[in-house]
């Protein structure tokens, strides 16, 4: 009896230390195509994901998965809407601090920038995901990728759930409950840039992953891509700590260290959506939160306007003081 066709990928990844090797870009694309077509058993998928995790994904593997996903879900054919400037991935969820980055995005939208926020929710029971806050923050949720395209004919902040443009990937992300670890697709979804925005922003949790992001962005032909170690893994700056921002910009790989905006702060014992709303309305003082909003929006402006950090912070502070609430 012949081996299952997908078994070849498991052999490539799972042989002994001297004979196993990473997948090529073409092999990664082919493996993903079989997974999305339902041609892989649950046991094979679990083994594949765990082998990828144990070996550590390579740039070629990630590029293959991102390229394959974009082709499978028709993202290569999406024209960038006239009102879209920035792609923002939000998949990690927050647990220690509120999702201040959402107020950064509202502020950037008030400054005239169109932003596609895409993400997922529910992978971790103890985390708070963007989608749970959007109604209160008056952020429209697109019901399809075409709906998102229509909404972004005008510059504004729009949220597009993963279920509305690449739903099969969500099932893979949520396998963490069964296999116990994150997978390469937790990185791949952040790099999909569904509507081909000219600037993209991602947060990471583990140092070293930034190079995977940048090399994939370069290979995919993205214009500008910023990545940094964000609070809780989301694209949110820690304003009370030294940070390093990595970028693919102007056809070059860049690295810049950013100084803290404020002294080290203690995290809140508890927080609620009402606290965030009150901060936006100017009814609550939150030194850390306000600084996080400003620092995060400033990094986005570094990509959007090719501004230096000091200039971007100054611009954002002025916009914060003049925001329409």
C-alpha atoms as a PDB file:
ATOM      1  CA  UNK A   1       0.000   0.000   0.000  1.00  0.00           C
ATOM      2  CA  UNK A   2       1.422   3.371  -1.060  1.00  0.00           C
ATOM      3  CA  UNK A   3       2.139   6.052   1.530  1.00  0.00           C
ATOM      4  CA  UNK A   4      -0.248   8.958   1.882  1.00  0.00           C
ATOM      5  CA  UNK A   5       0.995  11.833  -0.370  1.00  0.00           C
ATOM      6  CA  UNK A   6       1.336  14.189   2.604  1.00  0.00           C
ATOM      7  CA  UNK A   7       3.662  11.738   4.356  1.00  0.00           C
ATOM      8  CA  UNK A   8       6.541  13.011   2.214  1.00  0.00           C
ATOM      9  CA  UNK A   9       6.430  16.380   3.997  1.00  0.00           C
ATOM     10  CA  UNK A  10       6.479  14.641   7.372  1.00  0.00           C
ATOM     11  CA  UNK A  11       9.523  12.637   6.307  1.00  0.00           C
ATOM     12  CA  UNK A  12      11.335  15.781   5.189  1.00  0.00           C
ATOM     13  CA  UNK A  13      10.721  17.459   8.553  1.00  0.00           C
ATOM     14  CA  UNK A  14      10.869  14.453  10.825  1.00  0.00           C
ATOM     15  CA  UNK A  15      13.898  12.406   9.820  1.00  0.00           C
ATOM     16  CA  UNK A  16      16.913  12.171  12.112  1.00  0.00           C
ATOM     17  CA  UNK A  17      19.016  15.221  13.009  1.00  0.00           C
ATOM     18  CA  UNK A  18      21.465  14.610  10.166  1.00  0.00           C
ATOM     19  CA  UNK A  19      18.938  14.029   7.393  1.00  0.00           C
ATOM     20  CA  UNK A  20      15.907  16.188   8.159  1.00  0.00           C
ATOM     21  CA  UNK A  21      15.681  19.576   6.489  1.00  0.00           C
ATOM     22  CA  UNK A  22      13.296  22.529   6.196  1.00  0.00           C
ATOM     23  CA  UNK A  23      10.733  22.758   3.432  1.00  0.00           C
ATOM     24  CA  UNK A  24      11.473  24.794   0.342  1.00  0.00           C
ATOM     25  CA  UNK A  25       9.100  27.626  -0.565  1.00  0.00           C
ATOM     26  CA  UNK A  26       7.453  25.430  -3.197  1.00  0.00           C
ATOM     27  CA  UNK A  27       7.041  22.533  -0.752  1.00  0.00           C
ATOM     28  CA  UNK A  28       5.507  24.823   1.872  1.00  0.00           C
ATOM     29  CA  UNK A  29       3.019  26.101  -0.709  1.00  0.00           C
ATOM     30  CA  UNK A  30       2.161  22.565  -1.761  1.00  0.00           C
ATOM     31  CA  UNK A  31       1.745  21.379   1.838  1.00  0.00           C
ATOM     32  CA  UNK A  32      -0.589  24.279   2.632  1.00  0.00           C
ATOM     33  CA  UNK A  33      -2.618  23.635  -0.530  1.00  0.00           C
ATOM     34  CA  UNK A  34      -3.198  20.033   0.596  1.00  0.00           C
ATOM     35  CA  UNK A  35      -4.154  21.168   4.113  1.00  0.00           C
ATOM     36  CA  UNK A  36      -6.641  23.744   2.821  1.00  0.00           C
ATOM     37  CA  UNK A  37      -8.095  21.213   0.363  1.00  0.00           C
ATOM     38  CA  UNK A  38      -8.835  18.793   3.213  1.00  0.00           C
ATOM     39  CA  UNK A  39      -6.406  16.206   1.839  1.00  0.00           C
ATOM     40  CA  UNK A  40      -4.602  15.762   5.167  1.00  0.00           C
ATOM     41  CA  UNK A  41      -5.723  13.694   8.159  1.00  0.00           C
ATOM     42  CA  UNK A  42      -5.985  15.247  11.611  1.00  0.00           C
ATOM     43  CA  UNK A  43      -3.062  13.129  12.799  1.00  0.00           C
ATOM     44  CA  UNK A  44      -0.918  14.289   9.909  1.00  0.00           C
ATOM     45  CA  UNK A  45      -1.809  17.938  10.491  1.00  0.00           C
ATOM     46  CA  UNK A  46      -0.958  17.693  14.182  1.00  0.00           C
ATOM     47  CA  UNK A  47       2.352  15.983  13.432  1.00  0.00           C
ATOM     48  CA  UNK A  48       3.158  18.551  10.751  1.00  0.00           C
ATOM     49  CA  UNK A  49       2.491  21.516  13.023  1.00  0.00           C
ATOM     50  CA  UNK A  50       4.499  20.057  15.890  1.00  0.00           C
ATOM     51  CA  UNK A  51       7.458  19.224  13.654  1.00  0.00           C
ATOM     52  CA  UNK A  52       7.395  22.756  12.259  1.00  0.00           C
ATOM     53  CA  UNK A  53       7.321  24.121  15.796  1.00  0.00           C
ATOM     54  CA  UNK A  54      10.097  21.857  17.069  1.00  0.00           C
ATOM     55  CA  UNK A  55      12.395  22.561  14.101  1.00  0.00           C
ATOM     56  CA  UNK A  56      11.635  26.289  14.018  1.00  0.00           C
ATOM     57  CA  UNK A  57      10.250  27.784  10.819  1.00  0.00           C
ATOM     58  CA  UNK A  58      12.655  29.185   8.241  1.00  0.00           C
ATOM     59  CA  UNK A  59      12.119  32.263   6.048  1.00  0.00           C
ATOM     60  CA  UNK A  60      11.516  30.052   3.006  1.00  0.00           C
ATOM     61  CA  UNK A  61       8.840  28.084   4.838  1.00  0.00           C
ATOM     62  CA  UNK A  62       7.060  31.199   6.072  1.00  0.00           C
ATOM     63  CA  UNK A  63       7.259  32.813   2.647  1.00  0.00           C
ATOM     64  CA  UNK A  64       5.766  29.676   1.099  1.00  0.00           C
ATOM     65  CA  UNK A  65       2.890  29.585   3.581  1.00  0.00           C
ATOM     66  CA  UNK A  66       2.101  33.299   3.202  1.00  0.00           C
ATOM     67  CA  UNK A  67       2.348  33.165  -0.575  1.00  0.00           C
ATOM     68  CA  UNK A  68       0.205  30.034  -0.693  1.00  0.00           C
ATOM     69  CA  UNK A  69      -2.434  31.497   1.608  1.00  0.00           C
ATOM     70  CA  UNK A  70      -2.632  34.742  -0.329  1.00  0.00           C
ATOM     71  CA  UNK A  71      -3.102  32.797  -3.563  1.00  0.00           C
ATOM     72  CA  UNK A  72      -5.659  30.399  -2.060  1.00  0.00           C
ATOM     73  CA  UNK A  73      -7.815  33.210  -0.661  1.00  0.00           C
ATOM     74  CA  UNK A  74      -7.503  35.503  -3.680  1.00  0.00           C
ATOM     75  CA  UNK A  75      -5.578  38.210  -1.850  1.00  0.00           C
ATOM     76  CA  UNK A  76      -3.107  38.762  -4.683  1.00  0.00           C
ATOM     77  CA  UNK A  77      -6.003  40.011  -6.791  1.00  0.00           C
ATOM     78  CA  UNK A  78      -7.222  42.587  -4.265  1.00  0.00           C
ATOM     79  CA  UNK A  79      -6.677  46.190  -5.300  1.00  0.00           C
ATOM     80  CA  UNK A  80      -5.760  48.513  -2.454  1.00  0.00           C
ATOM     81  CA  UNK A  81      -8.788  50.734  -1.705  1.00  0.00           C
ATOM     82  CA  UNK A  82      -8.289  54.444  -2.301  1.00  0.00           C
ATOM     83  CA  UNK A  83      -8.754  55.198   1.401  1.00  0.00           C
ATOM     84  CA  UNK A  84      -6.387  52.551   2.790  1.00  0.00           C
ATOM     85  CA  UNK A  85      -2.923  53.447   4.054  1.00  0.00           C
ATOM     86  CA  UNK A  86      -2.076  50.994   6.829  1.00  0.00           C
ATOM     87  CA  UNK A  87      -2.492  47.264   7.504  1.00  0.00           C
ATOM     88  CA  UNK A  88      -2.525  46.280  11.200  1.00  0.00           C
ATOM     89  CA  UNK A  89      -2.518  42.694  12.459  1.00  0.00           C
ATOM     90  CA  UNK A  90      -4.100  41.890  15.859  1.00  0.00           C
ATOM     91  CA  UNK A  91      -4.082  38.194  16.757  1.00  0.00           C
ATOM     92  CA  UNK A  92      -2.266  37.826  20.081  1.00  0.00           C
ATOM     93  CA  UNK A  93      -4.797  39.300  22.504  1.00  0.00           C
ATOM     94  CA  UNK A  94      -3.942  41.375  25.596  1.00  0.00           C
ATOM     95  CA  UNK A  95      -3.928  40.172  29.199  1.00  0.00           C
ATOM     96  CA  UNK A  96      -1.830  42.537  31.329  1.00  0.00           C
ATOM     97  CA  UNK A  97      -2.717  45.932  29.935  1.00  0.00           C
ATOM     98  CA  UNK A  98      -5.760  47.234  28.041  1.00  0.00           C
ATOM     99  CA  UNK A  99      -5.524  47.197  24.226  1.00  0.00           C
ATOM    100  CA  UNK A 100      -4.326  50.797  24.033  1.00  0.00           C
ATOM    101  CA  UNK A 101      -3.290  50.278  20.410  1.00  0.00           C
ATOM    102  CA  UNK A 102      -6.966  50.491  19.446  1.00  0.00           C
ATOM    103  CA  UNK A 103      -7.006  54.099  20.607  1.00  0.00           C
ATOM    104  CA  UNK A 104      -3.786  54.681  18.649  1.00  0.00           C
ATOM    105  CA  UNK A 105      -5.636  53.486  15.563  1.00  0.00           C
ATOM    106  CA  UNK A 106      -8.631  55.713  16.294  1.00  0.00           C
ATOM    107  CA  UNK A 107      -6.228  58.623  16.613  1.00  0.00           C
ATOM    108  CA  UNK A 108      -4.497  57.801  13.329  1.00  0.00           C
ATOM    109  CA  UNK A 109      -7.910  57.577  11.643  1.00  0.00           C
ATOM    110  CA  UNK A 110      -8.772  61.003  13.071  1.00  0.00           C
ATOM    111  CA  UNK A 111      -5.536  62.232  11.483  1.00  0.00           C
ATOM    112  CA  UNK A 112      -6.860  61.139   8.093  1.00  0.00           C
ATOM    113  CA  UNK A 113      -5.352  57.682   7.676  1.00  0.00           C
ATOM    114  CA  UNK A 114      -7.291  54.629   6.521  1.00  0.00           C
ATOM    115  CA  UNK A 115      -6.484  51.468   8.469  1.00  0.00           C
ATOM    116  CA  UNK A 116      -7.459  47.846   7.978  1.00  0.00           C
ATOM    117  CA  UNK A 117      -7.277  46.050  11.321  1.00  0.00           C
ATOM    118  CA  UNK A 118      -7.549  42.281  10.896  1.00  0.00           C
ATOM    119  CA  UNK A 119      -7.489  39.617  13.559  1.00  0.00           C
ATOM    120  CA  UNK A 120      -9.101  36.741  15.379  1.00  0.00           C
ATOM    121  CA  UNK A 121     -10.408  36.045  18.861  1.00  0.00           C
ATOM    122  CA  UNK A 122     -10.793  33.194  21.317  1.00  0.00           C
ATOM    123  CA  UNK A 123      -7.482  31.342  21.025  1.00  0.00           C
ATOM    124  CA  UNK A 124      -6.684  31.945  24.699  1.00  0.00           C
ATOM    125  CA  UNK A 125      -9.339  32.136  27.402  1.00  0.00           C
ATOM    126  CA  UNK A 126      -7.390  34.617  29.514  1.00  0.00           C
ATOM    127  CA  UNK A 127      -6.779  37.191  26.763  1.00  0.00           C
ATOM    128  CA  UNK A 128      -8.819  40.099  25.483  1.00  0.00           C
ATOM    129  CA  UNK A 129      -9.138  40.445  21.723  1.00  0.00           C
ATOM    130  CA  UNK A 130      -9.741  43.519  19.601  1.00  0.00           C
ATOM    131  CA  UNK A 131     -13.152  42.480  18.319  1.00  0.00           C
ATOM    132  CA  UNK A 132     -14.700  42.569  21.796  1.00  0.00           C
ATOM    133  CA  UNK A 133     -14.026  46.323  22.080  1.00  0.00           C
ATOM    134  CA  UNK A 134     -14.946  47.606  18.650  1.00  0.00           C
ATOM    135  CA  UNK A 135     -18.660  48.312  19.059  1.00  0.00           C
ATOM    136  CA  UNK A 136     -18.071  50.550  22.072  1.00  0.00           C
ATOM    137  CA  UNK A 137     -15.222  52.290  20.262  1.00  0.00           C
ATOM    138  CA  UNK A 138     -17.467  52.801  17.202  1.00  0.00           C
ATOM    139  CA  UNK A 139     -15.241  50.857  14.802  1.00  0.00           C
ATOM    140  CA  UNK A 140     -17.099  49.253  11.868  1.00  0.00           C
ATOM    141  CA  UNK A 141     -16.685  45.491  11.438  1.00  0.00           C
ATOM    142  CA  UNK A 142     -16.595  44.335   7.822  1.00  0.00           C
ATOM    143  CA  UNK A 143     -18.729  41.324   6.922  1.00  0.00           C
ATOM    144  CA  UNK A 144     -16.517  40.345   3.976  1.00  0.00           C
ATOM    145  CA  UNK A 145     -13.336  41.419   2.276  1.00  0.00           C
ATOM    146  CA  UNK A 146     -15.429  43.181  -0.381  1.00  0.00           C
ATOM    147  CA  UNK A 147     -17.303  45.023   2.372  1.00  0.00           C
ATOM    148  CA  UNK A 148     -13.972  46.114   3.872  1.00  0.00           C
ATOM    149  CA  UNK A 149     -12.906  47.342   0.446  1.00  0.00           C
ATOM    150  CA  UNK A 150     -16.083  49.405   0.138  1.00  0.00           C
ATOM    151  CA  UNK A 151     -15.730  50.894   3.626  1.00  0.00           C
ATOM    152  CA  UNK A 152     -12.154  51.904   2.930  1.00  0.00           C
ATOM    153  CA  UNK A 153     -13.063  53.955  -0.100  1.00  0.00           C
ATOM    154  CA  UNK A 154     -13.044  56.618   2.630  1.00  0.00           C
ATOM    155  CA  UNK A 155     -10.114  56.750   5.075  1.00  0.00           C
ATOM    156  CA  UNK A 156     -11.236  55.283   8.393  1.00  0.00           C
ATOM    157  CA  UNK A 157     -10.505  52.443  10.797  1.00  0.00           C
ATOM    158  CA  UNK A 158     -12.156  49.158   9.720  1.00  0.00           C
ATOM    159  CA  UNK A 159     -11.911  45.705  11.305  1.00  0.00           C
ATOM    160  CA  UNK A 160     -11.916  42.549   9.170  1.00  0.00           C
ATOM    161  CA  UNK A 161     -12.180  39.240  11.077  1.00  0.00           C
ATOM    162  CA  UNK A 162     -10.013  36.361   9.878  1.00  0.00           C
ATOM    163  CA  UNK A 163     -13.233  34.369   9.382  1.00  0.00           C
ATOM    164  CA  UNK A 164     -14.258  36.781   6.627  1.00  0.00           C
ATOM    165  CA  UNK A 165     -11.219  36.381   4.392  1.00  0.00           C
ATOM    166  CA  UNK A 166      -9.275  33.233   5.381  1.00  0.00           C
ATOM    167  CA  UNK A 167     -11.579  31.167   7.584  1.00  0.00           C
ATOM    168  CA  UNK A 168      -9.797  27.789   7.150  1.00  0.00           C
ATOM    169  CA  UNK A 169      -6.714  29.230   8.851  1.00  0.00           C
ATOM    170  CA  UNK A 170      -8.708  29.958  11.983  1.00  0.00           C
ATOM    171  CA  UNK A 171      -9.238  26.261  12.657  1.00  0.00           C
ATOM    172  CA  UNK A 172      -5.473  25.751  12.495  1.00  0.00           C
ATOM    173  CA  UNK A 173      -4.811  28.617  14.905  1.00  0.00           C
ATOM    174  CA  UNK A 174      -7.286  27.193  17.388  1.00  0.00           C
ATOM    175  CA  UNK A 175      -5.572  23.803  17.441  1.00  0.00           C
ATOM    176  CA  UNK A 176      -3.346  25.223  20.175  1.00  0.00           C
ATOM    177  CA  UNK A 177      -5.803  23.933  22.774  1.00  0.00           C
ATOM    178  CA  UNK A 178      -5.112  20.401  21.549  1.00  0.00           C
ATOM    179  CA  UNK A 179      -1.434  20.480  20.641  1.00  0.00           C
ATOM    180  CA  UNK A 180      -0.360  22.901  23.364  1.00  0.00           C
ATOM    181  CA  UNK A 181       1.861  25.283  21.358  1.00  0.00           C
ATOM    182  CA  UNK A 182       1.507  28.086  18.836  1.00  0.00           C
ATOM    183  CA  UNK A 183       2.285  27.245  15.221  1.00  0.00           C
ATOM    184  CA  UNK A 184       3.901  28.857  12.208  1.00  0.00           C
ATOM    185  CA  UNK A 185       0.451  30.024  11.121  1.00  0.00           C
ATOM    186  CA  UNK A 186       0.242  32.351  14.117  1.00  0.00           C
ATOM    187  CA  UNK A 187       3.008  34.252  12.345  1.00  0.00           C
ATOM    188  CA  UNK A 188       1.717  33.749   8.801  1.00  0.00           C
ATOM    189  CA  UNK A 189      -1.712  35.313   9.415  1.00  0.00           C
ATOM    190  CA  UNK A 190      -0.082  38.544  10.588  1.00  0.00           C
ATOM    191  CA  UNK A 191       1.647  38.884   7.222  1.00  0.00           C
ATOM    192  CA  UNK A 192      -1.321  38.345   4.906  1.00  0.00           C
ATOM    193  CA  UNK A 193      -2.032  42.084   4.326  1.00  0.00           C
ATOM    194  CA  UNK A 194      -5.488  41.232   2.896  1.00  0.00           C
ATOM    195  CA  UNK A 195      -6.084  44.476   0.982  1.00  0.00           C
ATOM    196  CA  UNK A 196      -2.470  45.146   0.020  1.00  0.00           C
ATOM    197  CA  UNK A 197      -1.951  48.278   2.073  1.00  0.00           C
ATOM    198  CA  UNK A 198       1.295  50.148   1.279  1.00  0.00           C
ATOM    199  CA  UNK A 199       2.372  50.091   4.950  1.00  0.00           C
ATOM    200  CA  UNK A 200       1.952  47.196   7.392  1.00  0.00           C
ATOM    201  CA  UNK A 201       2.549  46.870  11.132  1.00  0.00           C
ATOM    202  CA  UNK A 202       2.973  43.752  13.301  1.00  0.00           C
ATOM    203  CA  UNK A 203       3.822  43.097  16.928  1.00  0.00           C
ATOM    204  CA  UNK A 204       5.790  40.077  18.087  1.00  0.00           C
ATOM    205  CA  UNK A 205       6.427  38.466  21.460  1.00  0.00           C
ATOM    206  CA  UNK A 206       9.555  36.363  20.896  1.00  0.00           C
ATOM    207  CA  UNK A 207      12.768  38.112  19.895  1.00  0.00           C
ATOM    208  CA  UNK A 208      14.238  36.849  16.649  1.00  0.00           C
ATOM    209  CA  UNK A 209      10.930  36.463  14.829  1.00  0.00           C
ATOM    210  CA  UNK A 210      11.316  39.984  13.431  1.00  0.00           C
ATOM    211  CA  UNK A 211      13.732  38.744  10.766  1.00  0.00           C
ATOM    212  CA  UNK A 212      11.172  36.215   9.553  1.00  0.00           C
ATOM    213  CA  UNK A 213       8.645  39.036   9.181  1.00  0.00           C
ATOM    214  CA  UNK A 214      11.011  41.305   7.295  1.00  0.00           C
ATOM    215  CA  UNK A 215      12.333  38.667   4.908  1.00  0.00           C
ATOM    216  CA  UNK A 216       8.772  37.553   4.135  1.00  0.00           C
ATOM    217  CA  UNK A 217       7.666  41.152   3.544  1.00  0.00           C
ATOM    218  CA  UNK A 218      10.590  41.646   1.189  1.00  0.00           C
ATOM    219  CA  UNK A 219       9.822  38.443  -0.722  1.00  0.00           C
ATOM    220  CA  UNK A 220       6.135  39.313  -1.017  1.00  0.00           C
ATOM    221  CA  UNK A 221       6.930  42.722  -2.477  1.00  0.00           C
ATOM    222  CA  UNK A 222       5.295  44.697   0.324  1.00  0.00           C
ATOM    223  CA  UNK A 223       6.158  48.385   0.330  1.00  0.00           C
ATOM    224  CA  UNK A 224       6.833  49.110   4.000  1.00  0.00           C
ATOM    225  CA  UNK A 225       6.649  46.705   6.935  1.00  0.00           C
ATOM    226  CA  UNK A 226       7.353  47.567  10.582  1.00  0.00           C
ATOM    227  CA  UNK A 227       7.688  44.969  13.329  1.00  0.00           C
ATOM    228  CA  UNK A 228       8.602  45.279  17.002  1.00  0.00           C
ATOM    229  CA  UNK A 229       8.301  43.429  20.294  1.00  0.00           C
ATOM    230  CA  UNK A 230       4.910  44.667  21.418  1.00  0.00           C
ATOM    231  CA  UNK A 231       3.181  44.547  24.782  1.00  0.00           C
ATOM    232  CA  UNK A 232       1.602  41.103  25.070  1.00  0.00           C
ATOM    233  CA  UNK A 233       2.640  40.324  21.508  1.00  0.00           C
ATOM    234  CA  UNK A 234       0.334  42.902  19.930  1.00  0.00           C
ATOM    235  CA  UNK A 235       1.629  45.874  17.933  1.00  0.00           C
ATOM    236  CA  UNK A 236       1.621  48.176  20.947  1.00  0.00           C
ATOM    237  CA  UNK A 237       4.686  50.051  22.175  1.00  0.00           C
ATOM    238  CA  UNK A 238       5.928  49.894  25.749  1.00  0.00           C
ATOM    239  CA  UNK A 239       6.373  53.648  26.357  1.00  0.00           C
ATOM    240  CA  UNK A 240       8.330  53.121  29.585  1.00  0.00           C
ATOM    241  CA  UNK A 241      11.067  50.931  28.089  1.00  0.00           C
ATOM    242  CA  UNK A 242      13.756  51.041  25.428  1.00  0.00           C
ATOM    243  CA  UNK A 243      12.391  49.470  22.246  1.00  0.00           C
ATOM    244  CA  UNK A 244      13.829  48.410  18.908  1.00  0.00           C
ATOM    245  CA  UNK A 245      11.812  48.795  15.723  1.00  0.00           C
ATOM    246  CA  UNK A 246      12.733  46.741  12.655  1.00  0.00           C
ATOM    247  CA  UNK A 247      11.564  47.727   9.206  1.00  0.00           C
ATOM    248  CA  UNK A 248      11.544  46.888   5.546  1.00  0.00           C
ATOM    249  CA  UNK A 249      11.287  50.380   4.065  1.00  0.00           C
ATOM    250  CA  UNK A 250      12.539  52.057   0.880  1.00  0.00           C
ATOM    251  CA  UNK A 251      13.907  48.682  -0.298  1.00  0.00           C
ATOM    252  CA  UNK A 252      16.184  48.419   2.731  1.00  0.00           C
ATOM    253  CA  UNK A 253      16.244  46.610   6.054  1.00  0.00           C
ATOM    254  CA  UNK A 254      16.373  49.113   8.911  1.00  0.00           C
ATOM    255  CA  UNK A 255      16.747  48.921  12.681  1.00  0.00           C
ATOM    256  CA  UNK A 256      16.190  51.757  15.137  1.00  0.00           C
ATOM    257  CA  UNK A 257      16.293  51.922  18.931  1.00  0.00           C
ATOM    258  CA  UNK A 258      13.636  54.160  20.488  1.00  0.00           C
ATOM    259  CA  UNK A 259      13.984  55.686  23.935  1.00  0.00           C
ATOM    260  CA  UNK A 260      11.208  55.511  26.536  1.00  0.00           C
ATOM    261  CA  UNK A 261       8.704  58.361  26.668  1.00  0.00           C
ATOM    262  CA  UNK A 262       8.026  58.017  30.405  1.00  0.00           C
ATOM    263  CA  UNK A 263       9.552  56.487  33.506  1.00  0.00           C
ATOM    264  CA  UNK A 264       8.824  52.844  34.320  1.00  0.00           C
ATOM    265  CA  UNK A 265       5.212  52.349  35.394  1.00  0.00           C
ATOM    266  CA  UNK A 266       3.386  49.603  37.282  1.00  0.00           C
ATOM    267  CA  UNK A 267       0.646  47.781  35.437  1.00  0.00           C
ATOM    268  CA  UNK A 268      -2.943  48.218  36.655  1.00  0.00           C
ATOM    269  CA  UNK A 269      -4.395  45.580  38.969  1.00  0.00           C
ATOM    270  CA  UNK A 270      -7.609  45.612  36.954  1.00  0.00           C
ATOM    271  CA  UNK A 271      -9.042  47.456  33.969  1.00  0.00           C
ATOM    272  CA  UNK A 272     -12.207  47.627  31.896  1.00  0.00           C
ATOM    273  CA  UNK A 273     -13.442  48.876  28.554  1.00  0.00           C
ATOM    274  CA  UNK A 274     -14.983  51.801  30.401  1.00  0.00           C
ATOM    275  CA  UNK A 275     -11.496  52.893  31.474  1.00  0.00           C
ATOM    276  CA  UNK A 276     -10.331  52.969  27.866  1.00  0.00           C
ATOM    277  CA  UNK A 277     -13.400  54.855  26.746  1.00  0.00           C
ATOM    278  CA  UNK A 278     -12.967  57.389  29.544  1.00  0.00           C
ATOM    279  CA  UNK A 279      -9.316  57.876  28.559  1.00  0.00           C
ATOM    280  CA  UNK A 280     -10.324  58.628  24.976  1.00  0.00           C
ATOM    281  CA  UNK A 281     -12.975  61.078  26.166  1.00  0.00           C
ATOM    282  CA  UNK A 282     -10.514  62.839  28.458  1.00  0.00           C
ATOM    283  CA  UNK A 283     -12.409  61.812  31.587  1.00  0.00           C
ATOM    284  CA  UNK A 284      -9.656  59.595  33.028  1.00  0.00           C
ATOM    285  CA  UNK A 285      -5.969  60.129  33.721  1.00  0.00           C
ATOM    286  CA  UNK A 286      -3.713  57.242  32.723  1.00  0.00           C
ATOM    287  CA  UNK A 287      -0.054  58.169  32.347  1.00  0.00           C
ATOM    288  CA  UNK A 288       1.008  54.809  30.954  1.00  0.00           C
ATOM    289  CA  UNK A 289      -2.032  54.451  28.687  1.00  0.00           C
ATOM    290  CA  UNK A 290      -1.729  57.875  27.107  1.00  0.00           C
ATOM    291  CA  UNK A 291       1.996  57.384  26.516  1.00  0.00           C
ATOM    292  CA  UNK A 292       1.353  53.936  24.979  1.00  0.00           C
ATOM    293  CA  UNK A 293      -1.199  55.437  22.599  1.00  0.00           C
ATOM    294  CA  UNK A 294       1.170  58.193  21.522  1.00  0.00           C
ATOM    295  CA  UNK A 295       4.225  55.946  21.162  1.00  0.00           C
ATOM    296  CA  UNK A 296       2.328  53.327  19.153  1.00  0.00           C
ATOM    297  CA  UNK A 297       0.785  55.871  16.786  1.00  0.00           C
ATOM    298  CA  UNK A 298       4.181  57.546  16.395  1.00  0.00           C
ATOM    299  CA  UNK A 299       5.802  54.308  15.217  1.00  0.00           C
ATOM    300  CA  UNK A 300       3.021  53.972  12.640  1.00  0.00           C
ATOM    301  CA  UNK A 301       3.785  57.505  11.421  1.00  0.00           C
ATOM    302  CA  UNK A 302       7.417  56.500  10.975  1.00  0.00           C
ATOM    303  CA  UNK A 303       6.123  54.111   8.345  1.00  0.00           C
ATOM    304  CA  UNK A 304       3.366  56.258   6.904  1.00  0.00           C
ATOM    305  CA  UNK A 305       5.323  59.504   6.638  1.00  0.00           C
ATOM    306  CA  UNK A 306       8.944  58.283   6.795  1.00  0.00           C
ATOM    307  CA  UNK A 307       9.232  60.539   9.839  1.00  0.00           C
ATOM    308  CA  UNK A 308      11.857  60.249  12.557  1.00  0.00           C
ATOM    309  CA  UNK A 309      10.542  59.158  15.943  1.00  0.00           C
ATOM    310  CA  UNK A 310      10.840  62.554  17.670  1.00  0.00           C
ATOM    311  CA  UNK A 311       8.934  64.302  14.887  1.00  0.00           C
ATOM    312  CA  UNK A 312       6.277  61.574  14.840  1.00  0.00           C
ATOM    313  CA  UNK A 313       5.798  61.784  18.632  1.00  0.00           C
ATOM    314  CA  UNK A 314       5.363  65.548  18.397  1.00  0.00           C
ATOM    315  CA  UNK A 315       2.791  65.184  15.606  1.00  0.00           C
ATOM    316  CA  UNK A 316       0.832  62.567  17.519  1.00  0.00           C
ATOM    317  CA  UNK A 317       0.847  64.547  20.772  1.00  0.00           C
ATOM    318  CA  UNK A 318      -0.695  67.495  18.943  1.00  0.00           C
ATOM    319  CA  UNK A 319      -3.311  65.250  17.348  1.00  0.00           C
ATOM    320  CA  UNK A 320      -4.132  63.712  20.756  1.00  0.00           C
ATOM    321  CA  UNK A 321      -4.685  67.145  22.305  1.00  0.00           C
ATOM    322  CA  UNK A 322      -6.884  68.212  19.403  1.00  0.00           C
ATOM    323  CA  UNK A 323      -8.772  64.953  18.882  1.00  0.00           C
ATOM    324  CA  UNK A 324     -12.500  65.057  18.294  1.00  0.00           C
ATOM    325  CA  UNK A 325     -14.209  62.980  20.987  1.00  0.00           C
END
